[in-house]
C-alpha atoms as a PDB file:
ATOM      1  CA  MET A   1     -47.816  10.858  58.978  1.00  0.00           C
ATOM      2  CA  THR A   2     -45.259   8.124  59.568  1.00  0.00           C
ATOM      3  CA  VAL A   3     -43.715   7.430  62.928  1.00  0.00           C
ATOM      4  CA  ASP A   4     -39.973   6.826  63.211  1.00  0.00           C
ATOM      5  CA  LYS A   5     -39.745   3.937  65.678  1.00  0.00           C
ATOM      6  CA  ASN A   6     -35.998   4.483  66.065  1.00  0.00           C
ATOM      7  CA  ARG A   7     -36.640   7.992  67.307  1.00  0.00           C
ATOM      8  CA  PHE A   8     -37.517   6.658  70.765  1.00  0.00           C
ATOM      9  CA  THR A   9     -35.672   4.171  72.931  1.00  0.00           C
ATOM     10  CA  LYS A  10     -37.397   0.980  74.033  1.00  0.00           C
ATOM     11  CA  LEU A  11     -38.027   2.491  77.481  1.00  0.00           C
ATOM     12  CA  GLU A  12     -39.403   5.687  75.943  1.00  0.00           C
ATOM     13  CA  ARG A  13     -41.778   3.703  73.736  1.00  0.00           C
ATOM     14  CA  LYS A  14     -42.949   1.832  76.830  1.00  0.00           C
ATOM     15  CA  GLU A  15     -43.528   5.165  78.587  1.00  0.00           C
ATOM     16  CA  LEU A  16     -45.434   6.498  75.563  1.00  0.00           C
ATOM     17  CA  ARG A  17     -47.703   3.440  75.678  1.00  0.00           C
ATOM     18  CA  ARG A  18     -48.260   4.039  79.403  1.00  0.00           C
ATOM     19  CA  LEU A  19     -49.096   7.699  78.770  1.00  0.00           C
ATOM     20  CA  ALA A  20     -51.470   6.739  75.971  1.00  0.00           C
ATOM     21  CA  GLY A  21     -53.169   4.377  78.433  1.00  0.00           C
ATOM     22  CA  VAL A  22     -53.490   7.175  80.968  1.00  0.00           C
ATOM     23  CA  ALA A  23     -55.011   9.449  78.336  1.00  0.00           C
ATOM     24  CA  TYR A  24     -57.413   6.707  77.228  1.00  0.00           C
ATOM     25  CA  GLU A  25     -58.574   6.139  80.793  1.00  0.00           C
ATOM     26  CA  ARG A  26     -59.040   9.857  81.430  1.00  0.00           C
ATOM     27  CA  GLU A  27     -61.028  10.386  78.237  1.00  0.00           C
ATOM     28  CA  LEU A  28     -63.157   7.312  78.931  1.00  0.00           C
ATOM     29  CA  ALA A  29     -63.822   8.451  82.500  1.00  0.00           C
ATOM     30  CA  LYS A  30     -64.914  11.865  81.230  1.00  0.00           C
ATOM     31  CA  ALA A  31     -67.219  10.250  78.681  1.00  0.00           C
ATOM     32  CA  LEU A  32     -68.705   7.995  81.359  1.00  0.00           C
ATOM     33  CA  GLU A  33     -69.980  11.049  83.230  1.00  0.00           C
ATOM     34  CA  SER A  34     -72.889  11.202  80.783  1.00  0.00           C
ATOM     35  CA  LEU A  35     -73.860   7.658  81.695  1.00  0.00           C
ATOM     36  CA  GLU A  36     -73.611   8.530  85.362  1.00  0.00           C
ATOM     37  CA  GLU A  37     -76.270  11.186  84.783  1.00  0.00           C
ATOM     38  CA  ASP A  38     -78.419   8.631  82.959  1.00  0.00           C
ATOM     39  CA  PHE A  39     -78.148   6.252  85.909  1.00  0.00           C
ATOM     40  CA  LYS A  40     -79.274   9.058  88.226  1.00  0.00           C
ATOM     41  CA  ARG A  41     -82.293   9.677  85.982  1.00  0.00           C
ATOM     42  CA  TRP A  42     -83.092   5.955  86.040  1.00  0.00           C
ATOM     43  CA  ARG A  43     -82.859   5.798  89.848  1.00  0.00           C
ATOM     44  CA  LYS A  44     -85.323   8.708  90.021  1.00  0.00           C
ATOM     45  CA  ASN A  45     -87.682   6.799  87.685  1.00  0.00           C
ATOM     46  CA  LYS A  46     -87.319   9.477  85.004  1.00  0.00           C
ATOM     47  CA  ILE A  47     -86.290   6.853  82.440  1.00  0.00           C
ATOM     48  CA  SER A  48     -87.013   3.136  82.291  1.00  0.00           C
ATOM     49  CA  ALA A  49     -84.530   0.292  82.606  1.00  0.00           C
ATOM     50  CA  PHE A  50     -85.027  -0.302  78.880  1.00  0.00           C
ATOM     51  CA  GLU A  51     -84.134   3.304  78.077  1.00  0.00           C
ATOM     52  CA  LEU A  52     -81.049   3.118  80.287  1.00  0.00           C
ATOM     53  CA  SER A  53     -80.015  -0.119  78.641  1.00  0.00           C
ATOM     54  CA  GLU A  54     -80.322   1.526  75.226  1.00  0.00           C
ATOM     55  CA  LEU A  55     -78.188   4.471  76.384  1.00  0.00           C
ATOM     56  CA  ILE A  56     -75.528   2.055  77.659  1.00  0.00           C
ATOM     57  CA  HIS A  57     -75.625   0.213  74.342  1.00  0.00           C
ATOM     58  CA  LYS A  58     -75.232   3.484  72.388  1.00  0.00           C
ATOM     59  CA  PHE A  59     -72.354   4.540  74.641  1.00  0.00           C
ATOM     60  CA  HIS A  60     -70.590   1.229  74.136  1.00  0.00           C
ATOM     61  CA  ASN A  61     -71.019   1.265  70.363  1.00  0.00           C
ATOM     62  CA  GLY A  62     -70.265   4.982  70.095  1.00  0.00           C
ATOM     63  CA  VAL A  63     -67.811   6.963  72.169  1.00  0.00           C
ATOM     64  CA  ALA A  64     -66.386   3.984  74.068  1.00  0.00           C
ATOM     65  CA  ARG A  65     -65.619   2.136  70.844  1.00  0.00           C
ATOM     66  CA  ASP A  66     -64.195   5.270  69.213  1.00  0.00           C
ATOM     67  CA  LEU A  67     -61.829   5.872  72.125  1.00  0.00           C
ATOM     68  CA  TRP A  68     -60.795   2.221  72.227  1.00  0.00           C
ATOM     69  CA  SER A  69     -60.078   2.225  68.500  1.00  0.00           C
ATOM     70  CA  PHE A  70     -58.111   5.452  68.677  1.00  0.00           C
ATOM     71  CA  TYR A  71     -55.948   4.499  71.631  1.00  0.00           C
ATOM     72  CA  THR A  72     -55.317   0.862  70.699  1.00  0.00           C
ATOM     73  CA  ALA A  73     -54.814   1.174  66.948  1.00  0.00           C
ATOM     74  CA  GLY A  74     -52.795   4.355  66.589  1.00  0.00           C
ATOM     75  CA  PRO A  75     -49.103   4.796  67.375  1.00  0.00           C
ATOM     76  CA  ALA A  76     -48.608   5.776  71.014  1.00  0.00           C
ATOM     77  CA  GLU A  77     -46.514   8.769  69.940  1.00  0.00           C
ATOM     78  CA  LEU A  78     -49.422  10.258  67.995  1.00  0.00           C
ATOM     79  CA  ASN A  79     -51.928   9.366  70.716  1.00  0.00           C
ATOM     80  CA  VAL A  80     -49.842  11.199  73.307  1.00  0.00           C
ATOM     81  CA  LYS A  81     -49.441  14.223  71.018  1.00  0.00           C
ATOM     82  CA  HIS A  82     -53.230  14.299  70.615  1.00  0.00           C
ATOM     83  CA  ALA A  83     -53.719  14.001  74.389  1.00  0.00           C
ATOM     84  CA  ILE A  84     -51.322  16.883  75.015  1.00  0.00           C
ATOM     85  CA  ALA A  85     -53.045  19.067  72.412  1.00  0.00           C
ATOM     86  CA  ASP A  86     -56.438  18.349  74.003  1.00  0.00           C
ATOM     87  CA  GLY A  87     -55.156  18.961  77.541  1.00  0.00           C
ATOM     88  CA  VAL A  88     -55.790  15.362  78.594  1.00  0.00           C
ATOM     89  CA  ILE A  89     -52.126  14.947  79.516  1.00  0.00           C
ATOM     90  CA  LEU A  90     -50.102  17.866  80.807  1.00  0.00           C
ATOM     91  CA  LYS A  91     -46.593  18.495  79.548  1.00  0.00           C
ATOM     92  CA  THR A  92     -45.436  18.380  83.176  1.00  0.00           C
ATOM     93  CA  GLU A  93     -46.448  14.703  83.294  1.00  0.00           C
ATOM     94  CA  ILE A  94     -43.999  13.801  80.543  1.00  0.00           C
ATOM     95  CA  SER A  95     -40.240  13.427  80.837  1.00  0.00           C
ATOM     96  CA  THR A  96     -38.215  16.184  79.228  1.00  0.00           C
ATOM     97  CA  GLY A  97     -36.510  13.739  76.844  1.00  0.00           C
ATOM     98  CA  ILE A  98     -39.782  12.382  75.464  1.00  0.00           C
ATOM     99  CA  LEU A  99     -41.324  15.832  75.323  1.00  0.00           C
ATOM    100  CA  GLU A 100     -38.416  17.129  73.239  1.00  0.00           C
ATOM    101  CA  LYS A 101     -38.704  14.200  70.837  1.00  0.00           C
ATOM    102  CA  LEU A 102     -42.443  14.758  70.454  1.00  0.00           C
ATOM    103  CA  LYS A 103     -41.876  18.283  69.115  1.00  0.00           C
END
């Protein structure tokens, strides 16, 4: 799918990049909840520091890297469409003009 860069004004493209950043942060924060649970297990001595370190490493090389790649490499327009479809960004958070152009 190609993206028509002339479809959006310069300010709208800037807003799309901002929205993509918001979506990225929200998805990353959600993914980090699993690590939060791992830290709790570590503090309760249910896993070792080595095991926690390995979980952090897997998180960094897995979901964190996937999200970073998705949100930094793809066109902001497509990233925002994806975030809307997944409920990460609500349509009410987007200006009417941009929302109409995303359809």
